[in-house]
N, C-alpha and C. Protein backbone atom coordinates (compact mmCIF):
# COMPACT_ATOMS: atom_id res chain seq x y z
N UNK A 1 253.16 12.97 327.44
CA UNK A 1 251.91 11.86 327.31
C UNK A 1 252.21 10.85 327.92
N UNK A 2 250.58 10.17 327.93
CA UNK A 2 250.33 9.35 329.26
C UNK A 2 249.82 8.72 328.84
N UNK A 3 251.17 8.20 328.26
CA UNK A 3 250.79 6.34 328.01
C UNK A 3 252.08 5.64 328.37
N UNK A 4 251.61 4.73 329.03
CA UNK A 4 252.76 3.37 329.79
C UNK A 4 252.66 1.86 328.93
N UNK A 5 253.39 1.71 329.14
CA UNK A 5 254.27 -0.41 328.45
C UNK A 5 254.41 -1.12 329.96
N UNK A 6 253.82 -2.11 330.67
CA UNK A 6 254.13 -3.02 331.36
C UNK A 6 254.65 -4.26 330.93
N UNK A 7 255.57 -4.79 331.22
CA UNK A 7 256.36 -5.86 331.18
C UNK A 7 256.41 -7.15 331.91
N UNK A 8 255.32 -7.79 332.53
CA UNK A 8 255.64 -8.74 333.80
C UNK A 8 255.91 -10.12 332.99
N UNK A 9 257.07 -10.77 333.61
CA UNK A 9 257.31 -12.08 333.26
C UNK A 9 257.81 -13.11 334.58
N UNK A 10 257.31 -14.13 335.45
CA UNK A 10 257.02 -14.77 336.12
C UNK A 10 256.80 -16.38 335.76
N UNK A 11 257.09 -17.15 336.53
CA UNK A 11 256.92 -18.71 336.06
C UNK A 11 255.44 -19.20 336.09
N UNK A 12 254.74 -17.93 336.01
CA UNK A 12 253.10 -18.88 336.09
C UNK A 12 252.14 -17.88 334.85
N UNK A 13 253.06 -16.16 334.97
CA UNK A 13 252.77 -15.28 333.92
C UNK A 13 253.66 -14.78 332.55
N UNK A 14 253.14 -14.12 331.85
CA UNK A 14 254.21 -13.45 330.83
C UNK A 14 252.52 -13.06 330.52
N UNK A 15 252.93 -11.17 330.63
CA UNK A 15 252.21 -10.44 330.69
C UNK A 15 252.58 -8.67 329.59
N UNK A 16 251.68 -8.20 329.40
CA UNK A 16 252.21 -7.11 328.85
C UNK A 16 250.78 -6.40 328.05
N UNK A 17 250.94 -4.87 329.22
CA UNK A 17 249.80 -3.99 329.18
C UNK A 17 250.05 -2.70 328.38
N UNK A 18 249.67 -2.48 327.86
CA UNK A 18 249.83 -1.50 327.35
C UNK A 18 248.78 -0.34 327.81
N UNK A 19 248.82 0.69 327.73
CA UNK A 19 247.93 2.04 327.99
C UNK A 19 248.18 3.36 327.68
N UNK A 20 247.02 3.99 327.10
CA UNK A 20 246.83 5.47 326.90
C UNK A 20 245.67 5.54 327.66
N UNK A 21 246.18 7.10 328.35
CA UNK A 21 244.67 7.44 329.04
C UNK A 21 244.01 8.44 328.07
N UNK A 22 244.56 8.39 327.25
CA UNK A 22 244.44 10.29 326.22
C UNK A 22 243.45 9.35 324.85
N UNK A 23 243.56 7.88 325.20
CA UNK A 23 242.67 7.62 324.23
C UNK A 23 241.14 7.50 322.96
N UNK A 24 240.97 6.46 322.08
CA UNK A 24 238.99 6.35 322.39
C UNK A 24 238.33 5.05 322.68
N UNK A 25 239.04 4.57 323.58
CA UNK A 25 238.37 3.81 324.05
C UNK A 25 238.98 2.13 323.32
N UNK A 26 239.52 2.17 322.24
CA UNK A 26 239.97 0.53 321.61
C UNK A 26 240.89 -0.04 322.82
N UNK A 27 240.39 -1.67 322.45
CA UNK A 27 240.71 -2.64 323.35
C UNK A 27 241.37 -3.82 322.32
N UNK A 28 242.56 -3.99 322.56
CA UNK A 28 243.17 -5.36 321.83
C UNK A 28 243.98 -6.55 323.14
N UNK A 29 242.61 -7.94 323.26
CA UNK A 29 242.28 -7.98 324.76
C UNK A 29 242.82 -9.56 324.55
N UNK A 30 243.78 -10.11 325.14
CA UNK A 30 244.36 -11.88 324.29
C UNK A 30 245.03 -12.06 326.27
N UNK A 31 244.17 -12.33 327.08
CA UNK A 31 244.43 -13.39 328.32
C UNK A 31 243.81 -14.84 328.06
N UNK A 32 243.14 -14.90 327.24
CA UNK A 32 243.11 -16.35 327.52
C UNK A 32 241.78 -17.05 327.76
N UNK A 33 241.11 -16.07 328.85
CA UNK A 33 239.77 -16.00 329.78
C UNK A 33 238.42 -14.68 328.98
N UNK A 34 238.06 -15.40 328.92
CA UNK A 34 236.89 -14.54 327.54
C UNK A 34 236.26 -13.83 328.74
N UNK A 35 235.77 -14.33 329.74
CA UNK A 35 234.93 -13.23 330.41
C UNK A 35 235.59 -11.91 330.93
N UNK A 36 236.72 -12.42 331.56
CA UNK A 36 237.65 -11.80 332.02
C UNK A 36 238.20 -10.44 330.94
N UNK A 37 238.30 -11.04 329.83
CA UNK A 37 238.38 -9.72 328.56
C UNK A 37 237.74 -8.92 328.28
N UNK A 38 236.30 -9.78 328.27
CA UNK A 38 234.95 -8.95 328.33
C UNK A 38 235.16 -7.60 329.63
N UNK A 39 235.23 -8.00 330.31
CA UNK A 39 235.95 -7.32 331.79
C UNK A 39 236.22 -5.86 331.32
N UNK A 40 237.64 -6.54 330.94
CA UNK A 40 238.61 -5.47 330.47
C UNK A 40 238.64 -4.56 328.98
N UNK A 41 237.62 -5.16 328.50
CA UNK A 41 236.85 -4.24 327.36
C UNK A 41 235.71 -2.89 328.10
N UNK A 42 235.15 -3.44 329.22
CA UNK A 42 234.45 -2.41 329.39
C UNK A 42 235.47 -0.78 330.43
N UNK A 43 236.69 -1.28 330.34
CA UNK A 43 237.66 -0.61 331.09
C UNK A 43 238.03 0.70 329.86
N UNK A 44 238.11 -0.14 329.01
CA UNK A 44 238.64 0.42 328.13
C UNK A 44 237.51 1.44 327.55
N UNK A 45 236.92 0.36 327.01
CA UNK A 45 235.23 1.27 326.43
C UNK A 45 234.94 2.79 327.03
N UNK A 46 234.75 2.89 328.53
CA UNK A 46 234.26 3.77 329.42
C UNK A 46 235.24 4.33 329.99
N UNK A 47 235.94 4.06 330.10
CA UNK A 47 237.54 5.00 330.42
C UNK A 47 237.90 5.48 329.66
N UNK A 48 237.58 4.99 328.18
CA UNK A 48 238.32 5.99 327.42
C UNK A 48 239.81 5.97 326.98
N UNK A 49 240.36 4.83 327.53
CA UNK A 49 241.65 4.30 327.69
C UNK A 49 241.55 3.42 326.94
N UNK A 50 242.83 3.77 325.78
CA UNK A 50 243.53 2.39 324.86
C UNK A 50 244.31 1.25 325.65
N UNK A 51 243.79 0.15 325.66
CA UNK A 51 244.42 -0.34 326.24
C UNK A 51 244.60 -2.15 325.25
N UNK A 52 246.30 -2.40 325.38
CA UNK A 52 246.30 -3.49 324.94
C UNK A 52 246.82 -4.05 326.47
N UNK A 53 246.10 -5.75 326.50
CA UNK A 53 246.48 -6.85 326.87
C UNK A 53 247.12 -7.97 326.87
N UNK A 54 248.00 -9.00 327.07
CA UNK A 54 248.78 -9.63 326.40
C UNK A 54 249.12 -10.45 327.03
N UNK A 55 248.40 -11.80 327.30
CA UNK A 55 248.62 -12.87 328.43
C UNK A 55 248.88 -14.22 328.18
N UNK A 56 249.90 -14.48 328.53
CA UNK A 56 249.99 -15.98 328.38
C UNK A 56 250.18 -16.67 330.42
N UNK A 57 249.08 -17.59 330.65
CA UNK A 57 249.43 -18.08 332.28
C UNK A 57 249.23 -19.51 332.51
N UNK A 58 249.37 -19.56 333.67
CA UNK A 58 249.37 -21.37 333.48
C UNK A 58 246.87 -21.57 334.04
N UNK A 59 247.05 -21.25 332.40
CA UNK A 59 245.46 -21.34 332.79
C UNK A 59 244.96 -22.93 333.16
N UNK A 60 245.74 -24.21 332.83
CA UNK A 60 245.92 -25.40 332.88
C UNK A 60 245.41 -25.40 334.78
N UNK A 61 245.67 -24.68 335.49
CA UNK A 61 246.14 -24.77 336.61
C UNK A 61 243.96 -24.43 336.70
N UNK A 62 244.14 -22.62 336.82
CA UNK A 62 243.59 -21.89 337.10
C UNK A 62 243.59 -20.59 336.32
N UNK A 63 242.02 -19.32 336.66
CA UNK A 63 242.52 -18.46 335.34
C UNK A 63 242.91 -17.11 336.74
N UNK A 64 243.29 -17.81 338.36
CA UNK A 64 244.24 -16.76 339.24
C UNK A 64 245.17 -15.79 339.19
N UNK A 65 246.23 -16.76 338.60
CA UNK A 65 247.36 -16.04 338.36
C UNK A 65 247.27 -15.04 337.32
N UNK A 66 246.55 -15.80 336.08
CA UNK A 66 246.81 -14.59 334.95
C UNK A 66 245.28 -13.16 335.65
N UNK A 67 244.44 -13.61 335.99
CA UNK A 67 243.35 -12.60 336.72
C UNK A 67 244.40 -11.39 337.53
N UNK A 68 245.18 -11.90 338.18
CA UNK A 68 245.75 -11.30 339.41
C UNK A 68 247.23 -10.38 338.80
N UNK A 69 247.61 -10.69 338.01
CA UNK A 69 248.98 -10.27 337.45
C UNK A 69 248.42 -9.52 336.42
N UNK A 70 247.47 -9.55 335.96
CA UNK A 70 247.35 -8.44 334.87
C UNK A 70 246.52 -7.53 335.37
N UNK A 71 245.87 -7.66 337.22
CA UNK A 71 245.64 -6.61 337.60
C UNK A 71 246.84 -6.10 338.15
N UNK A 72 247.83 -7.03 338.83
CA UNK A 72 249.63 -5.91 338.77
C UNK A 72 249.58 -5.36 337.93
N UNK A 73 250.10 -5.86 336.14
CA UNK A 73 250.87 -4.81 335.61
C UNK A 73 249.67 -3.74 335.30
N UNK A 74 248.09 -3.57 335.26
CA UNK A 74 247.55 -2.98 334.98
C UNK A 74 247.86 -1.82 335.65
N UNK A 75 247.98 -2.28 336.63
CA UNK A 75 247.97 -1.22 338.03
C UNK A 75 249.74 -0.54 337.67
N UNK A 76 250.78 -1.16 337.83
CA UNK A 76 251.64 -0.41 337.01
C UNK A 76 251.82 0.29 336.20
N UNK A 77 250.74 0.53 335.31
CA UNK A 77 251.11 0.88 333.56
C UNK A 77 250.27 2.37 334.30
N UNK A 78 249.10 1.80 334.75
CA UNK A 78 247.96 3.58 334.95
C UNK A 78 249.03 3.91 336.00
N UNK A 79 250.08 3.86 337.09
CA UNK A 79 250.79 4.77 337.90
C UNK A 79 251.82 5.13 337.40
N UNK A 80 252.93 4.62 335.93
CA UNK A 80 253.28 5.61 335.03
C UNK A 80 252.56 6.26 334.44
N UNK A 81 251.85 6.03 333.75
CA UNK A 81 250.41 6.75 332.89
C UNK A 81 250.22 8.44 333.65
N UNK A 82 249.89 8.21 334.68
CA UNK A 82 249.11 9.30 335.53
C UNK A 82 250.35 10.97 336.16
N UNK A 83 251.74 9.83 335.93
CA UNK A 83 253.08 10.33 336.49
C UNK A 83 252.89 11.12 338.14
N UNK A 84 253.35 12.56 337.86
CA UNK A 84 253.37 13.03 339.11
C UNK A 84 251.47 13.66 340.01
N UNK A 85 250.81 13.25 338.84
CA UNK A 85 249.36 13.65 338.99
C UNK A 85 249.39 15.15 339.10
N UNK A 86 250.31 15.84 338.23
CA UNK A 86 249.84 17.21 338.35
C UNK A 86 248.40 18.01 337.79
N UNK A 87 247.63 18.72 337.90
CA UNK A 87 246.84 18.96 337.27
C UNK A 87 245.31 18.34 336.68
N UNK A 88 245.46 17.24 337.91
CA UNK A 88 244.60 15.65 337.32
C UNK A 88 243.19 16.42 338.53
N UNK A 89 242.18 15.50 338.36
CA UNK A 89 241.12 15.60 338.95
C UNK A 89 241.23 15.23 340.46
N UNK A 90 241.88 14.05 340.19
CA UNK A 90 242.11 13.43 341.59
C UNK A 90 241.25 12.01 342.25
N UNK A 91 240.48 12.81 341.99
CA UNK A 91 239.17 12.25 342.35
C UNK A 91 238.18 11.66 341.09
N UNK A 92 237.46 10.71 341.36
CA UNK A 92 236.35 9.77 340.49
C UNK A 92 235.36 9.58 340.88
N UNK A 93 234.31 9.45 340.75
CA UNK A 93 233.27 8.25 340.92
C UNK A 93 231.92 8.09 339.73
N UNK A 94 231.04 7.11 340.47
CA UNK A 94 230.44 7.18 339.17
C UNK A 94 229.44 5.39 339.60
N UNK A 95 228.26 5.71 338.99
CA UNK A 95 227.12 4.64 339.22
C UNK A 95 226.79 4.53 337.77
N UNK A 96 226.98 2.85 337.99
CA UNK A 96 226.64 2.17 336.64
C UNK A 96 225.01 1.18 337.19
N UNK A 97 224.27 1.42 336.17
CA UNK A 97 223.33 0.09 336.10
C UNK A 97 223.05 -0.17 334.75
N UNK A 98 222.83 -1.63 335.09
CA UNK A 98 222.84 -3.16 334.14
C UNK A 98 221.38 -3.65 334.31
N UNK A 99 220.44 -3.54 333.76
CA UNK A 99 219.04 -4.00 334.13
C UNK A 99 218.91 -4.11 335.81
N UNK A 100 218.84 -4.76 336.34
CA UNK A 100 218.70 -4.85 337.61
C UNK A 100 219.94 -4.97 338.67
N UNK A 101 220.90 -4.63 337.93
CA UNK A 101 222.65 -4.61 339.18
C UNK A 101 222.51 -2.86 338.87
N UNK A 102 223.15 -2.57 340.64
CA UNK A 102 223.63 -1.38 340.35
C UNK A 102 224.97 -1.04 341.13
N UNK A 103 225.72 -0.56 340.64
CA UNK A 103 226.88 -0.47 341.27
C UNK A 103 227.46 0.84 341.08
N UNK A 104 228.20 1.43 342.78
CA UNK A 104 228.92 2.76 342.70
C UNK A 104 230.37 2.46 343.18
N UNK A 105 231.10 2.85 342.16
CA UNK A 105 233.00 2.79 342.00
C UNK A 105 233.61 4.03 342.79
N UNK A 106 233.96 4.65 344.02
CA UNK A 106 234.48 6.05 343.94
C UNK A 106 236.03 5.64 343.75
N UNK A 107 237.10 6.58 343.36
CA UNK A 107 238.54 6.46 343.20
C UNK A 107 239.11 7.41 343.84
N UNK A 108 240.30 7.85 344.01
CA UNK A 108 241.25 8.56 344.82
C UNK A 108 242.67 8.08 344.21
N UNK A 109 243.03 9.10 343.55
CA UNK A 109 244.55 8.84 342.65
C UNK A 109 245.53 9.40 343.96
N UNK A 110 245.60 8.58 345.28
CA UNK A 110 245.87 9.30 346.91
C UNK A 110 247.73 8.59 346.48
N UNK A 111 248.01 7.64 345.84
CA UNK A 111 249.41 7.48 346.17
C UNK A 111 249.17 6.12 347.45
N UNK A 112 248.49 5.83 347.74
CA UNK A 112 247.97 4.43 348.40
C UNK A 112 247.28 3.85 348.42
N UNK A 113 247.55 2.45 348.24
CA UNK A 113 246.89 1.79 347.94
C UNK A 113 245.68 1.16 349.08
N UNK A 114 244.04 1.18 348.39
CA UNK A 114 243.44 0.33 349.22
C UNK A 114 242.33 -0.25 348.52
N UNK A 115 241.71 -1.03 349.08
CA UNK A 115 240.52 -1.67 348.80
C UNK A 115 239.62 -1.43 349.55
N UNK A 116 238.11 -1.13 349.28
CA UNK A 116 237.26 -2.03 349.82
C UNK A 116 235.96 -2.31 348.89
N UNK A 117 236.22 -3.45 349.25
CA UNK A 117 235.16 -4.36 348.03
C UNK A 117 233.79 -4.55 348.55
N UNK A 118 232.76 -3.91 348.39
CA UNK A 118 231.59 -4.60 348.84
C UNK A 118 230.67 -5.25 347.93
N UNK A 119 230.93 -6.40 347.19
CA UNK A 119 230.25 -6.73 346.11
C UNK A 119 229.45 -8.44 346.59
N UNK A 120 228.64 -8.43 346.78
CA UNK A 120 227.90 -9.84 347.49
C UNK A 120 227.26 -10.59 346.13
N UNK A 121 228.44 -11.03 345.10
CA UNK A 121 227.78 -12.01 344.06
C UNK A 121 226.80 -13.46 344.46
N UNK A 122 225.85 -13.62 343.44
CA UNK A 122 224.65 -14.12 344.11
C UNK A 122 225.10 -15.63 343.18
N UNK A 123 225.80 -15.96 342.14
CA UNK A 123 226.51 -16.95 342.45
C UNK A 123 228.27 -17.09 342.40
N UNK A 124 228.89 -18.29 342.81
CA UNK A 124 230.08 -18.47 342.29
C UNK A 124 230.97 -18.01 341.33
N UNK A 125 230.40 -18.59 340.17
CA UNK A 125 230.96 -18.64 338.97
C UNK A 125 229.49 -17.92 337.70
N UNK A 126 230.48 -16.98 336.78
CA UNK A 126 229.40 -16.84 335.72
C UNK A 126 230.18 -17.81 334.95
N UNK A 127 229.99 -18.48 334.19
CA UNK A 127 230.00 -19.50 333.28
C UNK A 127 231.84 -20.31 334.20
N UNK A 128 232.82 -20.50 333.39
CA UNK A 128 234.00 -21.10 334.26
C UNK A 128 234.47 -19.42 334.84
N UNK A 129 233.46 -18.54 334.95
CA UNK A 129 235.30 -18.18 335.87
C UNK A 129 234.69 -17.57 337.22
N UNK A 130 235.71 -18.26 338.25
CA UNK A 130 235.26 -17.64 339.72
C UNK A 130 235.28 -16.26 340.06
N UNK A 131 234.10 -15.94 340.39
CA UNK A 131 234.17 -14.30 340.69
C UNK A 131 234.83 -13.89 342.06
N UNK A 132 235.68 -14.69 342.42
CA UNK A 132 236.77 -14.29 343.83
C UNK A 132 237.33 -13.33 343.27
N UNK A 133 237.90 -14.08 341.90
CA UNK A 133 238.79 -13.52 340.75
C UNK A 133 238.45 -11.83 340.38
N UNK A 134 237.52 -11.42 340.33
CA UNK A 134 237.42 -10.06 340.38
C UNK A 134 237.85 -8.64 341.33
N UNK A 135 237.68 -9.68 342.91
CA UNK A 135 238.08 -8.95 343.92
C UNK A 135 239.94 -8.54 343.68
N UNK A 136 240.49 -10.45 343.45
CA UNK A 136 242.11 -10.07 342.90
C UNK A 136 242.51 -9.51 342.44
N UNK A 137 241.63 -9.13 340.91
CA UNK A 137 241.96 -8.33 339.83
C UNK A 137 242.24 -6.91 340.92
N UNK A 138 241.33 -6.10 341.44
CA UNK A 138 240.95 -5.34 341.68
C UNK A 138 242.07 -5.21 342.36
N UNK A 139 242.62 -6.48 343.33
CA UNK A 139 243.30 -5.91 344.73
C UNK A 139 245.35 -5.95 344.36
N UNK A 140 245.29 -6.73 342.70
CA UNK A 140 246.82 -6.47 342.37
C UNK A 140 246.70 -5.02 341.95
N UNK A 141 245.71 -4.58 340.86
CA UNK A 141 245.14 -3.27 340.40
C UNK A 141 245.62 -1.63 341.62
N UNK A 142 244.95 -1.68 342.66
CA UNK A 142 244.84 -0.92 343.33
C UNK A 142 246.11 -1.12 344.51
N UNK A 143 246.89 -1.85 344.58
CA UNK A 143 248.72 -2.13 345.31
C UNK A 143 249.36 -1.69 344.21
N UNK A 144 249.37 -1.68 343.36
CA UNK A 144 250.53 -1.22 342.31
C UNK A 144 250.30 0.14 341.20
N UNK A 145 249.03 0.66 341.55
CA UNK A 145 248.70 1.70 341.45
C UNK A 145 249.21 2.76 342.34
N UNK A 146 248.66 2.26 343.45
CA UNK A 146 248.65 3.25 344.76
C UNK A 146 247.85 4.22 345.18
N UNK A 147 246.76 3.74 343.88
CA UNK A 147 245.37 4.25 344.16
C UNK A 147 243.87 3.41 345.33
N UNK A 148 243.23 4.50 345.80
CA UNK A 148 242.03 3.96 346.33
C UNK A 148 240.74 3.75 346.01
N UNK A 149 239.95 3.18 346.14
CA UNK A 149 238.91 2.30 345.58
C UNK A 149 238.27 1.37 346.32
N UNK A 150 237.09 2.23 346.03
CA UNK A 150 235.12 1.63 346.82
C UNK A 150 234.88 1.11 345.59
N UNK A 151 234.20 -0.07 346.21
CA UNK A 151 233.55 -0.79 345.10
C UNK A 151 232.55 -1.28 345.25
N UNK A 152 231.41 -1.05 345.64
CA UNK A 152 229.94 -1.14 345.97
C UNK A 152 229.02 -1.42 345.13
N UNK A 153 228.91 -2.54 344.81
CA UNK A 153 227.54 -3.50 344.29
C UNK A 153 226.32 -3.05 344.93
N UNK A 154 225.53 -2.68 345.08
CA UNK A 154 224.41 -1.70 345.57
C UNK A 154 223.23 -3.29 345.43
N UNK A 155 222.87 -3.82 344.22
CA UNK A 155 221.80 -4.40 343.93
C UNK A 155 222.43 -5.64 342.79
N UNK A 156 221.74 -6.61 342.66
CA UNK A 156 221.32 -7.13 341.25
C UNK A 156 221.38 -8.45 341.88
N UNK A 157 220.91 -9.27 341.21
CA UNK A 157 220.51 -10.67 341.12
C UNK A 157 221.12 -11.83 340.20
N UNK A 158 221.74 -11.20 339.12
CA UNK A 158 222.50 -11.76 337.99
C UNK A 158 224.12 -11.58 338.60
N UNK A 159 224.64 -12.14 338.37
CA UNK A 159 226.47 -12.09 338.57
C UNK A 159 227.56 -11.22 337.49
N UNK A 160 226.92 -11.84 336.39
CA UNK A 160 226.81 -11.31 335.04
C UNK A 160 227.23 -9.91 334.87
N UNK A 161 226.19 -9.19 335.77
CA UNK A 161 225.76 -8.38 335.55
C UNK A 161 226.60 -7.07 336.23
N UNK A 162 226.39 -7.75 338.24
CA UNK A 162 226.87 -7.46 339.25
C UNK A 162 228.35 -7.05 338.39
N UNK A 163 228.97 -8.01 338.42
CA UNK A 163 230.52 -7.58 337.90
C UNK A 163 230.51 -6.79 336.76
N UNK A 164 229.61 -6.56 336.08
CA UNK A 164 229.76 -5.81 334.74
C UNK A 164 229.78 -4.45 334.91
N UNK A 165 228.44 -3.83 336.13
CA UNK A 165 228.35 -2.83 336.20
C UNK A 165 229.56 -2.42 337.17
N UNK A 166 230.57 -3.77 337.91
CA UNK A 166 231.81 -2.99 338.50
C UNK A 166 232.39 -2.02 338.11
N UNK A 167 232.73 -3.28 336.94
CA UNK A 167 233.79 -3.02 335.93
C UNK A 167 233.10 -1.40 334.91
N UNK A 168 232.21 -1.24 334.61
CA UNK A 168 232.37 0.11 334.39
C UNK A 168 232.24 1.15 334.56
N UNK A 169 231.80 0.78 336.80
CA UNK A 169 232.20 2.00 336.92
C UNK A 169 232.77 2.33 338.04
N UNK A 170 233.97 1.27 337.28
CA UNK A 170 235.70 1.59 337.53
C UNK A 170 235.95 2.53 336.43
N UNK A 171 235.43 1.93 335.95
CA UNK A 171 236.10 2.90 334.47
C UNK A 171 236.20 4.40 334.03
N UNK A 172 234.27 4.12 334.52
CA UNK A 172 234.12 5.43 334.38
C UNK A 172 234.51 6.77 335.75
N UNK A 173 235.01 5.74 336.88
CA UNK A 173 235.30 6.93 337.68
C UNK A 173 236.74 7.00 337.97
N UNK A 174 237.53 6.06 336.99
CA UNK A 174 238.93 6.14 336.80
C UNK A 174 239.04 7.57 335.70
N UNK A 175 238.09 7.62 335.11
CA UNK A 175 238.07 8.48 333.51
C UNK A 175 237.68 9.70 334.15
N UNK A 176 237.25 9.66 335.10
CA UNK A 176 236.99 11.49 335.75
C UNK A 176 238.13 11.63 336.48
N UNK A 177 239.00 10.80 337.63
CA UNK A 177 240.12 10.92 338.72
C UNK A 177 241.11 11.18 337.33
N UNK A 178 241.94 10.62 336.44
CA UNK A 178 242.26 11.51 335.55
C UNK A 178 242.80 12.50 334.69
N UNK A 179 241.47 12.95 334.19
CA UNK A 179 240.81 14.07 333.87
C UNK A 179 241.81 15.06 334.92
N UNK A 180 242.05 16.26 333.33
CA UNK A 180 243.15 17.02 333.35
C UNK A 180 241.70 18.47 334.58
N UNK A 181 241.81 18.95 335.38
CA UNK A 181 241.13 19.79 335.46
C UNK A 181 241.53 20.94 335.25
N UNK A 182 240.81 21.41 334.43
CA UNK A 182 241.42 23.35 333.83
C UNK A 182 241.38 24.16 335.22
N UNK A 183 240.60 24.39 336.05
CA UNK A 183 240.78 25.04 337.02
C UNK A 183 242.46 24.96 337.70
N UNK A 184 243.00 23.48 337.99
CA UNK A 184 243.55 22.94 338.82
C UNK A 184 245.34 23.83 337.73
N UNK A 185 245.48 24.87 337.33
CA UNK A 185 246.87 25.18 336.41
C UNK A 185 247.79 24.64 337.20
N UNK A 186 247.19 23.45 337.08
CA UNK A 186 248.85 22.16 336.64
C UNK A 186 249.29 21.78 338.53
N UNK A 187 248.78 22.01 339.09
CA UNK A 187 249.57 21.80 340.92
C UNK A 187 249.14 20.89 340.76
N UNK A 188 249.62 19.55 341.97
CA UNK A 188 249.36 18.51 342.45
C UNK A 188 247.89 18.40 343.07
N UNK A 189 246.82 17.97 343.27
CA UNK A 189 246.15 18.00 343.40
C UNK A 189 245.89 17.57 345.39
N UNK A 190 246.95 17.99 346.27
CA UNK A 190 246.92 17.99 347.40
C UNK A 190 247.68 18.78 348.53
N UNK A 191 247.01 19.48 349.10
CA UNK A 191 247.47 20.01 350.33
C UNK A 191 249.06 19.88 350.55
N UNK A 192 249.54 17.90 350.95
CA UNK A 192 250.93 17.56 351.15
C UNK A 192 252.02 18.34 349.99
N UNK A 193 251.45 18.65 348.46
CA UNK A 193 252.26 18.69 347.81
C UNK A 193 252.74 17.93 346.88
N UNK A 194 252.25 16.45 346.88
CA UNK A 194 252.56 15.38 346.87
C UNK A 194 252.17 14.35 346.93
N UNK A 195 251.40 13.28 345.46
CA UNK A 195 250.57 12.25 345.95
C UNK A 195 251.72 10.81 345.19
């Protein structure tokens, strides 16, 4: 069963994340950061992952610790849920448009953390949400999922649209990468024999 639950408690945040990679795209999200909940919902819906995120953080300071630590906990949950990666496609990619914005995300369940992030946001904030936190979220996620992710916002004038295409494209690419490959017969998708 490709399901995982992670609890992360620090002096800055208390977080519980539950993922089911074979879900229907439902989500229960309570981070205290409205725009971030909206983006996490994109991961669930477009990744067809059932996702629960309960987070209490030091929002009286700002949303940085909450967003970063949710990324860490989600990365840990993804790592646990994919297990040894036998029989998975391993790679996934997606292009997603939203009006004038277009983003591309490529995912490799490589066992090696790596993030290439090329998103020239046109504004510093989306409402009260600091756009720098998008990168912080993905950095925490890739570091703890031990995956490689390339994120490129190819065009866009509206920062909300830019961010939303990034999260939707990540969801679609992840969905592809974690799918079973019917031709792989349970093999680890690497010439090394391990990921």
